[in-house]
């Protein structure tokens, strides 16, 4: 079977070539992102493989369907960039719900430690043989309260890491994990009590701009905000306002609301048009990494292995454990519980 692979990066190739060849799949790797202008590249292919910044709108779905594409394989967990309602009845959608949750959770803690212990500033200083300690005072994590929004696999692993540092953990999740021993609270209480807030929830209409001006106004002065999930969970302008008003003591972002045309590309030596991102990066208490939390050898292997299995299961007629549709979660309509495909 032939698969058009969009938004290809060098780090994608080894694992996908290995597992794809073993499964008898033929990948055609495209550097370009999938959108209305590039959907024609999928003509004659049985499926497409897409990532977080590909745009699978209703118009793209209609084009893919007309070209004979039968399956969209997301090589990521999030799916807010896919119009699932438009796909229903036309194209099946599968994803990678978990690869290495440790990768993202560990990167989140790395960002937190880098920020509060000023590691990045010390590194830059000592490279220039400046060994002054002025301005490098941080604070202990031990005894601080961390509020974790979203307690799926990544969120729970991050909670375990925080407990290892002796932190008090509170959490919010619309669907609390049963018998987890996690202290669940309301969102308002989480905002009010937390010294550190870490986001590990999916992006949806309900969670869009979860951290906005109202939320920031409820937070402790000096709160540290971490986001390694989806950029639009945070209103970037509101975050800037919170930093300027000294409510937000630090922000560590691996994702950004308008990242699709910026992240994964080299703009050094160029003027970045996004003024909000430029202002965030210029802040001394903001750390931005380029959506790299997932980027470990273990995670890349897991993503490729699961994506290829999703595709081979689809073409063989097997049950699709990782299928998505707009009915997911609607118990009376969802067919997955009966081990059936969504349509």
C-alpha atoms as a PDB file:
ATOM      1  CA  UNK A   1       0.000   0.000   0.000  1.00  0.00           C
ATOM      2  CA  UNK A   2       1.182   3.510  -0.830  1.00  0.00           C
ATOM      3  CA  UNK A   3       1.265   6.214   1.835  1.00  0.00           C
ATOM      4  CA  UNK A   4       1.936   9.930   1.260  1.00  0.00           C
ATOM      5  CA  UNK A   5       3.954  11.168   4.236  1.00  0.00           C
ATOM      6  CA  UNK A   6       3.655  14.939   4.833  1.00  0.00           C
ATOM      7  CA  UNK A   7       5.799  17.432   6.790  1.00  0.00           C
ATOM      8  CA  UNK A   8       8.753  15.038   6.798  1.00  0.00           C
ATOM      9  CA  UNK A   9      11.733  15.759   9.043  1.00  0.00           C
ATOM     10  CA  UNK A  10      15.113  14.052   8.931  1.00  0.00           C
ATOM     11  CA  UNK A  11      14.470  12.378  12.279  1.00  0.00           C
ATOM     12  CA  UNK A  12      11.315  10.707  10.894  1.00  0.00           C
ATOM     13  CA  UNK A  13      13.075   8.734   8.181  1.00  0.00           C
ATOM     14  CA  UNK A  14      15.086   5.950   9.904  1.00  0.00           C
ATOM     15  CA  UNK A  15      12.282   4.466  11.994  1.00  0.00           C
ATOM     16  CA  UNK A  16       9.528   4.848   9.395  1.00  0.00           C
ATOM     17  CA  UNK A  17      11.685   3.333   6.672  1.00  0.00           C
ATOM     18  CA  UNK A  18      12.555   0.414   8.951  1.00  0.00           C
ATOM     19  CA  UNK A  19       9.020  -0.427  10.088  1.00  0.00           C
ATOM     20  CA  UNK A  20       7.395   0.515   6.777  1.00  0.00           C
ATOM     21  CA  UNK A  21       9.601  -1.772   4.707  1.00  0.00           C
ATOM     22  CA  UNK A  22       9.094  -4.637   7.160  1.00  0.00           C
ATOM     23  CA  UNK A  23       5.310  -4.222   6.834  1.00  0.00           C
ATOM     24  CA  UNK A  24       5.328  -3.889   3.051  1.00  0.00           C
ATOM     25  CA  UNK A  25       4.224  -0.244   3.032  1.00  0.00           C
ATOM     26  CA  UNK A  26       5.547   2.170   0.423  1.00  0.00           C
ATOM     27  CA  UNK A  27       6.097   5.655   1.872  1.00  0.00           C
ATOM     28  CA  UNK A  28       6.531   8.738  -0.294  1.00  0.00           C
ATOM     29  CA  UNK A  29       8.111  11.412   1.910  1.00  0.00           C
ATOM     30  CA  UNK A  30       7.133  15.057   1.285  1.00  0.00           C
ATOM     31  CA  UNK A  31       8.731  18.013   3.056  1.00  0.00           C
ATOM     32  CA  UNK A  32       5.631  20.136   2.554  1.00  0.00           C
ATOM     33  CA  UNK A  33       2.740  20.294   5.008  1.00  0.00           C
ATOM     34  CA  UNK A  34      -0.663  18.958   4.045  1.00  0.00           C
ATOM     35  CA  UNK A  35      -3.238  21.661   3.371  1.00  0.00           C
ATOM     36  CA  UNK A  36      -5.697  22.679   0.644  1.00  0.00           C
ATOM     37  CA  UNK A  37      -2.874  23.663  -1.698  1.00  0.00           C
ATOM     38  CA  UNK A  38      -0.851  20.452  -1.308  1.00  0.00           C
ATOM     39  CA  UNK A  39      -3.602  17.833  -1.014  1.00  0.00           C
ATOM     40  CA  UNK A  40      -3.102  16.994  -4.694  1.00  0.00           C
ATOM     41  CA  UNK A  41       0.193  15.319  -3.806  1.00  0.00           C
ATOM     42  CA  UNK A  42      -1.868  12.507  -2.275  1.00  0.00           C
ATOM     43  CA  UNK A  43      -3.558  11.650  -5.563  1.00  0.00           C
ATOM     44  CA  UNK A  44      -3.238   7.918  -6.197  1.00  0.00           C
ATOM     45  CA  UNK A  45      -2.188   7.057  -2.642  1.00  0.00           C
ATOM     46  CA  UNK A  46      -4.071   4.714  -0.325  1.00  0.00           C
ATOM     47  CA  UNK A  47      -3.383   6.757   2.801  1.00  0.00           C
ATOM     48  CA  UNK A  48      -1.662   9.825   4.185  1.00  0.00           C
ATOM     49  CA  UNK A  49       0.520  10.229   7.274  1.00  0.00           C
ATOM     50  CA  UNK A  50       0.335  13.644   8.955  1.00  0.00           C
ATOM     51  CA  UNK A  51       1.762  15.512  11.948  1.00  0.00           C
ATOM     52  CA  UNK A  52       0.651  18.286  14.289  1.00  0.00           C
ATOM     53  CA  UNK A  53       0.956  21.215  11.876  1.00  0.00           C
ATOM     54  CA  UNK A  54      -0.699  19.615   8.856  1.00  0.00           C
ATOM     55  CA  UNK A  55      -4.162  21.083   8.288  1.00  0.00           C
ATOM     56  CA  UNK A  56      -6.785  18.465   7.536  1.00  0.00           C
ATOM     57  CA  UNK A  57      -9.809  20.704   7.033  1.00  0.00           C
ATOM     58  CA  UNK A  58     -13.136  19.671   5.532  1.00  0.00           C
ATOM     59  CA  UNK A  59     -11.931  20.868   2.119  1.00  0.00           C
ATOM     60  CA  UNK A  60      -8.756  18.776   2.432  1.00  0.00           C
ATOM     61  CA  UNK A  61     -10.803  15.754   3.493  1.00  0.00           C
ATOM     62  CA  UNK A  62     -13.047  16.121   0.442  1.00  0.00           C
ATOM     63  CA  UNK A  63     -10.000  16.340  -1.828  1.00  0.00           C
ATOM     64  CA  UNK A  64      -8.309  13.313  -0.245  1.00  0.00           C
ATOM     65  CA  UNK A  65     -11.509  11.306  -0.525  1.00  0.00           C
ATOM     66  CA  UNK A  66     -11.836  12.230  -4.191  1.00  0.00           C
ATOM     67  CA  UNK A  67      -8.235  11.124  -4.777  1.00  0.00           C
ATOM     68  CA  UNK A  68      -8.932   7.678  -3.332  1.00  0.00           C
ATOM     69  CA  UNK A  69      -7.298   8.126   0.085  1.00  0.00           C
ATOM     70  CA  UNK A  70      -8.916   5.766   2.575  1.00  0.00           C
ATOM     71  CA  UNK A  71      -7.033   6.409   5.819  1.00  0.00           C
ATOM     72  CA  UNK A  72      -5.374   9.324   7.613  1.00  0.00           C
ATOM     73  CA  UNK A  73      -2.647   8.202  10.013  1.00  0.00           C
ATOM     74  CA  UNK A  74      -1.695  10.787  12.613  1.00  0.00           C
ATOM     75  CA  UNK A  75       1.830  10.188  13.916  1.00  0.00           C
ATOM     76  CA  UNK A  76       0.975  12.050  17.130  1.00  0.00           C
ATOM     77  CA  UNK A  77      -1.547  11.945  19.956  1.00  0.00           C
ATOM     78  CA  UNK A  78      -3.338  15.251  19.345  1.00  0.00           C
ATOM     79  CA  UNK A  79      -5.912  15.542  16.579  1.00  0.00           C
ATOM     80  CA  UNK A  80      -7.267  19.100  16.829  1.00  0.00           C
ATOM     81  CA  UNK A  81      -5.921  19.775  13.321  1.00  0.00           C
ATOM     82  CA  UNK A  82      -8.251  17.186  11.758  1.00  0.00           C
ATOM     83  CA  UNK A  83     -11.934  17.794  10.989  1.00  0.00           C
ATOM     84  CA  UNK A  84     -13.212  14.470  12.312  1.00  0.00           C
ATOM     85  CA  UNK A  85     -16.832  15.216  11.427  1.00  0.00           C
ATOM     86  CA  UNK A  86     -15.836  15.781   7.798  1.00  0.00           C
ATOM     87  CA  UNK A  87     -13.902  12.495   7.804  1.00  0.00           C
ATOM     88  CA  UNK A  88     -16.823  10.416   9.071  1.00  0.00           C
ATOM     89  CA  UNK A  89     -18.158   8.104   6.409  1.00  0.00           C
ATOM     90  CA  UNK A  90     -15.335   8.998   4.012  1.00  0.00           C
ATOM     91  CA  UNK A  91     -11.886   8.453   5.493  1.00  0.00           C
ATOM     92  CA  UNK A  92     -10.849   6.558   8.613  1.00  0.00           C
ATOM     93  CA  UNK A  93      -8.549   8.363  11.063  1.00  0.00           C
ATOM     94  CA  UNK A  94      -6.027   6.666  13.346  1.00  0.00           C
ATOM     95  CA  UNK A  95      -3.517   8.143  15.773  1.00  0.00           C
ATOM     96  CA  UNK A  96      -0.695   7.317  18.195  1.00  0.00           C
ATOM     97  CA  UNK A  97      -2.276   7.809  21.639  1.00  0.00           C
ATOM     98  CA  UNK A  98       0.976   7.053  23.486  1.00  0.00           C
ATOM     99  CA  UNK A  99       4.567   6.584  22.432  1.00  0.00           C
ATOM    100  CA  UNK A 100       7.002   7.521  25.164  1.00  0.00           C
ATOM    101  CA  UNK A 101       5.051   9.540  27.707  1.00  0.00           C
ATOM    102  CA  UNK A 102       8.299   9.721  29.685  1.00  0.00           C
ATOM    103  CA  UNK A 103       9.837  11.854  26.929  1.00  0.00           C
ATOM    104  CA  UNK A 104       7.303  14.668  27.301  1.00  0.00           C
ATOM    105  CA  UNK A 105       7.078  14.459  31.093  1.00  0.00           C
ATOM    106  CA  UNK A 106      10.867  14.517  31.478  1.00  0.00           C
ATOM    107  CA  UNK A 107      11.194  17.459  29.087  1.00  0.00           C
ATOM    108  CA  UNK A 108       8.609  19.334  31.134  1.00  0.00           C
ATOM    109  CA  UNK A 109      10.662  18.855  34.284  1.00  0.00           C
ATOM    110  CA  UNK A 110      13.839  19.797  32.402  1.00  0.00           C
ATOM    111  CA  UNK A 111      12.230  23.094  31.399  1.00  0.00           C
ATOM    112  CA  UNK A 112      11.080  23.748  34.954  1.00  0.00           C
ATOM    113  CA  UNK A 113      14.497  23.066  36.475  1.00  0.00           C
ATOM    114  CA  UNK A 114      16.253  25.088  33.790  1.00  0.00           C
ATOM    115  CA  UNK A 115      13.997  28.045  34.503  1.00  0.00           C
ATOM    116  CA  UNK A 116      13.935  28.129  38.282  1.00  0.00           C
ATOM    117  CA  UNK A 117      17.647  27.349  38.700  1.00  0.00           C
ATOM    118  CA  UNK A 118      18.669  29.718  35.871  1.00  0.00           C
ATOM    119  CA  UNK A 119      20.655  26.981  34.115  1.00  0.00           C
ATOM    120  CA  UNK A 120      20.323  28.656  30.714  1.00  0.00           C
ATOM    121  CA  UNK A 121      21.633  31.955  32.050  1.00  0.00           C
ATOM    122  CA  UNK A 122      24.554  30.297  33.843  1.00  0.00           C
ATOM    123  CA  UNK A 123      25.445  28.354  30.693  1.00  0.00           C
ATOM    124  CA  UNK A 124      25.590  31.528  28.600  1.00  0.00           C
ATOM    125  CA  UNK A 125      27.657  33.326  31.241  1.00  0.00           C
ATOM    126  CA  UNK A 126      30.281  30.663  31.762  1.00  0.00           C
ATOM    127  CA  UNK A 127      30.746  30.298  27.997  1.00  0.00           C
ATOM    128  CA  UNK A 128      32.095  33.840  28.236  1.00  0.00           C
ATOM    129  CA  UNK A 129      34.067  33.068  31.433  1.00  0.00           C
ATOM    130  CA  UNK A 130      31.653  35.093  33.543  1.00  0.00           C
ATOM    131  CA  UNK A 131      31.357  33.207  36.834  1.00  0.00           C
ATOM    132  CA  UNK A 132      29.321  35.788  38.745  1.00  0.00           C
ATOM    133  CA  UNK A 133      26.321  34.438  40.671  1.00  0.00           C
ATOM    134  CA  UNK A 134      24.421  37.720  40.563  1.00  0.00           C
ATOM    135  CA  UNK A 135      20.840  37.194  39.390  1.00  0.00           C
ATOM    136  CA  UNK A 136      21.014  33.409  39.454  1.00  0.00           C
ATOM    137  CA  UNK A 137      19.114  32.803  42.701  1.00  0.00           C
ATOM    138  CA  UNK A 138      16.382  30.239  42.244  1.00  0.00           C
ATOM    139  CA  UNK A 139      14.048  28.392  44.595  1.00  0.00           C
ATOM    140  CA  UNK A 140      13.526  24.845  45.888  1.00  0.00           C
ATOM    141  CA  UNK A 141      10.854  22.656  44.330  1.00  0.00           C
ATOM    142  CA  UNK A 142      10.586  20.671  47.575  1.00  0.00           C
ATOM    143  CA  UNK A 143       7.427  21.659  49.403  1.00  0.00           C
ATOM    144  CA  UNK A 144       5.983  23.677  46.518  1.00  0.00           C
ATOM    145  CA  UNK A 145       2.531  22.965  45.110  1.00  0.00           C
ATOM    146  CA  UNK A 146       2.265  21.884  41.479  1.00  0.00           C
ATOM    147  CA  UNK A 147      -1.088  21.937  39.722  1.00  0.00           C
ATOM    148  CA  UNK A 148      -1.329  19.431  36.872  1.00  0.00           C
ATOM    149  CA  UNK A 149      -4.100  19.941  34.304  1.00  0.00           C
ATOM    150  CA  UNK A 150      -4.738  16.616  32.590  1.00  0.00           C
ATOM    151  CA  UNK A 151      -3.905  13.291  34.187  1.00  0.00           C
ATOM    152  CA  UNK A 152      -3.483  10.984  31.242  1.00  0.00           C
ATOM    153  CA  UNK A 153      -0.282   8.971  30.885  1.00  0.00           C
ATOM    154  CA  UNK A 154       1.985  12.009  30.484  1.00  0.00           C
ATOM    155  CA  UNK A 155       0.325  13.945  33.277  1.00  0.00           C
ATOM    156  CA  UNK A 156       0.567  11.034  35.712  1.00  0.00           C
ATOM    157  CA  UNK A 157       4.243  10.440  34.901  1.00  0.00           C
ATOM    158  CA  UNK A 158       4.936  14.132  35.452  1.00  0.00           C
ATOM    159  CA  UNK A 159       3.112  13.843  38.785  1.00  0.00           C
ATOM    160  CA  UNK A 160       5.394  10.952  39.789  1.00  0.00           C
ATOM    161  CA  UNK A 161       8.455  13.033  38.897  1.00  0.00           C
ATOM    162  CA  UNK A 162       7.169  15.965  40.948  1.00  0.00           C
ATOM    163  CA  UNK A 163       6.507  13.709  43.920  1.00  0.00           C
ATOM    164  CA  UNK A 164      10.106  12.553  43.655  1.00  0.00           C
ATOM    165  CA  UNK A 165      11.136  16.158  44.248  1.00  0.00           C
ATOM    166  CA  UNK A 166       8.941  16.348  47.335  1.00  0.00           C
ATOM    167  CA  UNK A 167       6.314  18.584  45.760  1.00  0.00           C
ATOM    168  CA  UNK A 168       2.674  18.722  46.803  1.00  0.00           C
ATOM    169  CA  UNK A 169       0.513  17.691  43.837  1.00  0.00           C
ATOM    170  CA  UNK A 170      -3.018  18.799  43.023  1.00  0.00           C
ATOM    171  CA  UNK A 171      -4.715  18.134  39.702  1.00  0.00           C
ATOM    172  CA  UNK A 172      -7.704  18.844  37.522  1.00  0.00           C
ATOM    173  CA  UNK A 173      -9.185  16.507  34.936  1.00  0.00           C
ATOM    174  CA  UNK A 174     -12.687  16.375  33.502  1.00  0.00           C
ATOM    175  CA  UNK A 175     -12.410  12.599  33.836  1.00  0.00           C
ATOM    176  CA  UNK A 176     -10.413  11.886  37.030  1.00  0.00           C
ATOM    177  CA  UNK A 177      -8.339   8.707  37.100  1.00  0.00           C
ATOM    178  CA  UNK A 178      -9.986   6.258  39.475  1.00  0.00           C
ATOM    179  CA  UNK A 179      -8.027   4.877  42.433  1.00  0.00           C
ATOM    180  CA  UNK A 180      -5.004   6.971  41.431  1.00  0.00           C
ATOM    181  CA  UNK A 181      -4.403   8.631  44.784  1.00  0.00           C
ATOM    182  CA  UNK A 182      -4.335  12.000  43.004  1.00  0.00           C
ATOM    183  CA  UNK A 183      -5.783  14.990  44.863  1.00  0.00           C
ATOM    184  CA  UNK A 184      -8.282  16.394  42.359  1.00  0.00           C
ATOM    185  CA  UNK A 185      -9.532  19.958  42.773  1.00  0.00           C
ATOM    186  CA  UNK A 186     -11.504  22.455  40.697  1.00  0.00           C
ATOM    187  CA  UNK A 187      -9.695  24.542  38.097  1.00  0.00           C
ATOM    188  CA  UNK A 188     -10.211  27.695  40.148  1.00  0.00           C
ATOM    189  CA  UNK A 189      -8.689  26.081  43.226  1.00  0.00           C
ATOM    190  CA  UNK A 190      -5.783  24.788  41.154  1.00  0.00           C
ATOM    191  CA  UNK A 191      -5.085  28.288  39.824  1.00  0.00           C
ATOM    192  CA  UNK A 192      -5.294  29.803  43.308  1.00  0.00           C
ATOM    193  CA  UNK A 193      -3.077  27.273  45.129  1.00  0.00           C
ATOM    194  CA  UNK A 194      -0.381  26.318  42.623  1.00  0.00           C
ATOM    195  CA  UNK A 195       3.189  27.579  42.639  1.00  0.00           C
ATOM    196  CA  UNK A 196       3.696  25.721  39.349  1.00  0.00           C
ATOM    197  CA  UNK A 197       1.019  24.914  36.748  1.00  0.00           C
ATOM    198  CA  UNK A 198       1.701  22.276  34.080  1.00  0.00           C
ATOM    199  CA  UNK A 199      -0.636  21.593  31.166  1.00  0.00           C
ATOM    200  CA  UNK A 200      -1.019  18.014  29.908  1.00  0.00           C
ATOM    201  CA  UNK A 201      -4.511  18.047  28.408  1.00  0.00           C
ATOM    202  CA  UNK A 202      -5.692  17.865  24.788  1.00  0.00           C
ATOM    203  CA  UNK A 203      -6.818  20.932  22.871  1.00  0.00           C
ATOM    204  CA  UNK A 204     -10.557  21.168  22.321  1.00  0.00           C
ATOM    205  CA  UNK A 205     -13.225  23.863  22.231  1.00  0.00           C
ATOM    206  CA  UNK A 206     -13.484  23.451  25.992  1.00  0.00           C
ATOM    207  CA  UNK A 207      -9.763  23.839  26.686  1.00  0.00           C
ATOM    208  CA  UNK A 208      -8.998  26.551  24.085  1.00  0.00           C
ATOM    209  CA  UNK A 209      -7.264  29.444  25.930  1.00  0.00           C
ATOM    210  CA  UNK A 210      -7.643  27.576  29.216  1.00  0.00           C
ATOM    211  CA  UNK A 211      -4.962  29.906  30.524  1.00  0.00           C
ATOM    212  CA  UNK A 212      -6.277  33.361  29.704  1.00  0.00           C
ATOM    213  CA  UNK A 213      -6.551  36.659  31.524  1.00  0.00           C
ATOM    214  CA  UNK A 214      -9.219  35.426  33.952  1.00  0.00           C
ATOM    215  CA  UNK A 215      -7.191  32.350  34.891  1.00  0.00           C
ATOM    216  CA  UNK A 216      -3.984  34.349  35.322  1.00  0.00           C
ATOM    217  CA  UNK A 217      -5.759  36.825  37.584  1.00  0.00           C
ATOM    218  CA  UNK A 218      -6.651  33.917  39.901  1.00  0.00           C
ATOM    219  CA  UNK A 219      -3.060  32.661  40.113  1.00  0.00           C
ATOM    220  CA  UNK A 220      -0.496  33.159  42.846  1.00  0.00           C
ATOM    221  CA  UNK A 221       1.956  35.955  42.277  1.00  0.00           C
ATOM    222  CA  UNK A 222       5.095  34.426  40.770  1.00  0.00           C
ATOM    223  CA  UNK A 223       3.419  31.291  39.370  1.00  0.00           C
ATOM    224  CA  UNK A 224       5.461  29.252  36.873  1.00  0.00           C
ATOM    225  CA  UNK A 225       3.426  28.064  33.863  1.00  0.00           C
ATOM    226  CA  UNK A 226       4.530  25.047  31.809  1.00  0.00           C
ATOM    227  CA  UNK A 227       3.028  23.951  28.507  1.00  0.00           C
ATOM    228  CA  UNK A 228       4.278  20.910  26.608  1.00  0.00           C
ATOM    229  CA  UNK A 229       0.853  19.952  25.253  1.00  0.00           C
ATOM    230  CA  UNK A 230      -0.805  22.264  22.683  1.00  0.00           C
ATOM    231  CA  UNK A 231      -0.056  25.936  22.116  1.00  0.00           C
ATOM    232  CA  UNK A 232      -3.626  27.222  22.037  1.00  0.00           C
ATOM    233  CA  UNK A 233      -4.232  26.065  25.611  1.00  0.00           C
ATOM    234  CA  UNK A 234      -2.627  29.417  26.483  1.00  0.00           C
ATOM    235  CA  UNK A 235      -3.696  32.857  25.277  1.00  0.00           C
ATOM    236  CA  UNK A 236      -0.230  34.186  24.420  1.00  0.00           C
ATOM    237  CA  UNK A 237      -1.260  37.836  24.720  1.00  0.00           C
ATOM    238  CA  UNK A 238      -2.769  37.193  28.155  1.00  0.00           C
ATOM    239  CA  UNK A 239       0.427  35.390  29.164  1.00  0.00           C
ATOM    240  CA  UNK A 240       2.490  38.404  28.139  1.00  0.00           C
ATOM    241  CA  UNK A 241       0.193  40.621  30.177  1.00  0.00           C
ATOM    242  CA  UNK A 242       0.577  38.352  33.193  1.00  0.00           C
ATOM    243  CA  UNK A 243       4.352  38.479  32.890  1.00  0.00           C
ATOM    244  CA  UNK A 244       4.367  42.256  32.630  1.00  0.00           C
ATOM    245  CA  UNK A 245       2.104  42.555  35.679  1.00  0.00           C
ATOM    246  CA  UNK A 246       4.507  40.286  37.590  1.00  0.00           C
ATOM    247  CA  UNK A 247       1.794  37.677  38.248  1.00  0.00           C
ATOM    248  CA  UNK A 248       3.525  35.056  36.074  1.00  0.00           C
ATOM    249  CA  UNK A 249       7.011  34.562  37.455  1.00  0.00           C
ATOM    250  CA  UNK A 250       8.153  32.361  34.574  1.00  0.00           C
ATOM    251  CA  UNK A 251       6.795  30.544  31.537  1.00  0.00           C
ATOM    252  CA  UNK A 252       8.254  27.445  29.871  1.00  0.00           C
ATOM    253  CA  UNK A 253       6.721  26.682  26.475  1.00  0.00           C
ATOM    254  CA  UNK A 254       7.453  23.808  24.125  1.00  0.00           C
ATOM    255  CA  UNK A 255       4.406  24.734  22.045  1.00  0.00           C
ATOM    256  CA  UNK A 256       2.950  27.996  20.791  1.00  0.00           C
ATOM    257  CA  UNK A 257      -0.476  28.943  19.476  1.00  0.00           C
ATOM    258  CA  UNK A 258       0.758  30.130  16.069  1.00  0.00           C
ATOM    259  CA  UNK A 259       3.672  27.732  15.712  1.00  0.00           C
ATOM    260  CA  UNK A 260       2.685  26.006  12.484  1.00  0.00           C
ATOM    261  CA  UNK A 261       4.654  28.279  10.138  1.00  0.00           C
ATOM    262  CA  UNK A 262       7.556  28.848  12.536  1.00  0.00           C
ATOM    263  CA  UNK A 263       8.495  25.768  14.547  1.00  0.00           C
ATOM    264  CA  UNK A 264      10.664  23.088  12.920  1.00  0.00           C
ATOM    265  CA  UNK A 265      12.296  25.707  10.670  1.00  0.00           C
ATOM    266  CA  UNK A 266      15.528  27.737  10.914  1.00  0.00           C
ATOM    267  CA  UNK A 267      14.794  31.472  11.000  1.00  0.00           C
ATOM    268  CA  UNK A 268      18.143  32.543  12.389  1.00  0.00           C
ATOM    269  CA  UNK A 269      19.267  35.592  10.459  1.00  0.00           C
ATOM    270  CA  UNK A 270      15.675  36.411   9.490  1.00  0.00           C
ATOM    271  CA  UNK A 271      13.082  38.765  10.937  1.00  0.00           C
ATOM    272  CA  UNK A 272      10.275  36.785  12.560  1.00  0.00           C
ATOM    273  CA  UNK A 273       6.921  38.311  11.683  1.00  0.00           C
ATOM    274  CA  UNK A 274       5.156  37.063  14.835  1.00  0.00           C
ATOM    275  CA  UNK A 275       5.466  39.969  17.269  1.00  0.00           C
ATOM    276  CA  UNK A 276       3.894  38.061  20.153  1.00  0.00           C
ATOM    277  CA  UNK A 277       6.388  35.213  19.925  1.00  0.00           C
ATOM    278  CA  UNK A 278       9.253  37.691  19.548  1.00  0.00           C
ATOM    279  CA  UNK A 279       8.169  39.488  22.706  1.00  0.00           C
ATOM    280  CA  UNK A 280       7.824  36.227  24.626  1.00  0.00           C
ATOM    281  CA  UNK A 281      11.296  35.059  23.630  1.00  0.00           C
ATOM    282  CA  UNK A 282      12.724  38.437  24.616  1.00  0.00           C
ATOM    283  CA  UNK A 283      11.437  38.079  28.176  1.00  0.00           C
ATOM    284  CA  UNK A 284      14.166  37.028  30.635  1.00  0.00           C
ATOM    285  CA  UNK A 285      11.809  34.666  32.459  1.00  0.00           C
ATOM    286  CA  UNK A 286      10.501  32.812  29.398  1.00  0.00           C
ATOM    287  CA  UNK A 287      12.005  29.656  27.883  1.00  0.00           C
ATOM    288  CA  UNK A 288      10.750  28.468  24.494  1.00  0.00           C
ATOM    289  CA  UNK A 289      11.723  25.163  22.902  1.00  0.00           C
ATOM    290  CA  UNK A 290      10.538  24.203  19.428  1.00  0.00           C
ATOM    291  CA  UNK A 291       8.004  21.418  20.064  1.00  0.00           C
ATOM    292  CA  UNK A 292      10.760  18.967  20.923  1.00  0.00           C
ATOM    293  CA  UNK A 293       9.395  17.386  24.095  1.00  0.00           C
ATOM    294  CA  UNK A 294       8.579  14.164  22.214  1.00  0.00           C
ATOM    295  CA  UNK A 295      11.970  13.986  20.506  1.00  0.00           C
ATOM    296  CA  UNK A 296      13.760  10.963  21.956  1.00  0.00           C
ATOM    297  CA  UNK A 297      14.953   7.788  20.246  1.00  0.00           C
ATOM    298  CA  UNK A 298      12.437   5.762  22.229  1.00  0.00           C
ATOM    299  CA  UNK A 299       9.540   8.022  21.277  1.00  0.00           C
ATOM    300  CA  UNK A 300      10.434   8.121  17.576  1.00  0.00           C
ATOM    301  CA  UNK A 301      10.592   4.324  17.504  1.00  0.00           C
ATOM    302  CA  UNK A 302       7.260   4.028  19.302  1.00  0.00           C
ATOM    303  CA  UNK A 303       5.574   6.556  16.990  1.00  0.00           C
ATOM    304  CA  UNK A 304       6.741   4.781  13.853  1.00  0.00           C
ATOM    305  CA  UNK A 305       5.904   1.310  15.154  1.00  0.00           C
ATOM    306  CA  UNK A 306       2.384   2.261  16.238  1.00  0.00           C
ATOM    307  CA  UNK A 307       1.656   4.279  13.089  1.00  0.00           C
ATOM    308  CA  UNK A 308       2.707   1.399  10.841  1.00  0.00           C
ATOM    309  CA  UNK A 309       0.632  -1.051  12.902  1.00  0.00           C
ATOM    310  CA  UNK A 310      -2.389   1.267  12.603  1.00  0.00           C
ATOM    311  CA  UNK A 311      -1.967   1.287   8.834  1.00  0.00           C
ATOM    312  CA  UNK A 312      -1.431  -2.467   8.456  1.00  0.00           C
ATOM    313  CA  UNK A 313      -4.437  -3.136  10.705  1.00  0.00           C
ATOM    314  CA  UNK A 314      -6.537  -0.869   8.510  1.00  0.00           C
ATOM    315  CA  UNK A 315      -5.553  -2.492   5.231  1.00  0.00           C
ATOM    316  CA  UNK A 316      -5.864  -6.031   6.643  1.00  0.00           C
ATOM    317  CA  UNK A 317      -9.394  -5.418   7.908  1.00  0.00           C
ATOM    318  CA  UNK A 318      -8.427  -5.812  11.585  1.00  0.00           C
ATOM    319  CA  UNK A 319     -10.037  -3.900  14.441  1.00  0.00           C
ATOM    320  CA  UNK A 320      -8.637  -0.355  14.708  1.00  0.00           C
ATOM    321  CA  UNK A 321      -7.762   0.118  18.358  1.00  0.00           C
ATOM    322  CA  UNK A 322      -6.537   3.676  17.760  1.00  0.00           C
ATOM    323  CA  UNK A 323      -9.289   4.908  15.434  1.00  0.00           C
ATOM    324  CA  UNK A 324     -10.839   8.349  15.969  1.00  0.00           C
ATOM    325  CA  UNK A 325     -14.160   9.823  14.939  1.00  0.00           C
ATOM    326  CA  UNK A 326     -16.413  12.634  16.043  1.00  0.00           C
ATOM    327  CA  UNK A 327     -18.602  10.126  17.916  1.00  0.00           C
ATOM    328  CA  UNK A 328     -15.756   9.050  20.199  1.00  0.00           C
ATOM    329  CA  UNK A 329     -16.844   9.393  23.803  1.00  0.00           C
ATOM    330  CA  UNK A 330     -20.554   9.274  22.955  1.00  0.00           C
ATOM    331  CA  UNK A 331     -21.339   5.911  24.495  1.00  0.00           C
ATOM    332  CA  UNK A 332     -24.701   5.483  22.799  1.00  0.00           C
ATOM    333  CA  UNK A 333     -23.199   6.106  19.344  1.00  0.00           C
ATOM    334  CA  UNK A 334     -19.609   4.871  19.611  1.00  0.00           C
ATOM    335  CA  UNK A 335     -18.996   1.470  17.980  1.00  0.00           C
ATOM    336  CA  UNK A 336     -15.456   0.928  19.265  1.00  0.00           C
ATOM    337  CA  UNK A 337     -16.702  -0.792  22.400  1.00  0.00           C
ATOM    338  CA  UNK A 338     -18.116  -3.509  20.134  1.00  0.00           C
ATOM    339  CA  UNK A 339     -14.735  -3.904  18.424  1.00  0.00           C
ATOM    340  CA  UNK A 340     -16.147  -2.367  15.261  1.00  0.00           C
ATOM    341  CA  UNK A 341     -14.789   0.371  13.028  1.00  0.00           C
ATOM    342  CA  UNK A 342     -16.297   3.819  13.402  1.00  0.00           C
ATOM    343  CA  UNK A 343     -18.172   3.422  10.124  1.00  0.00           C
END
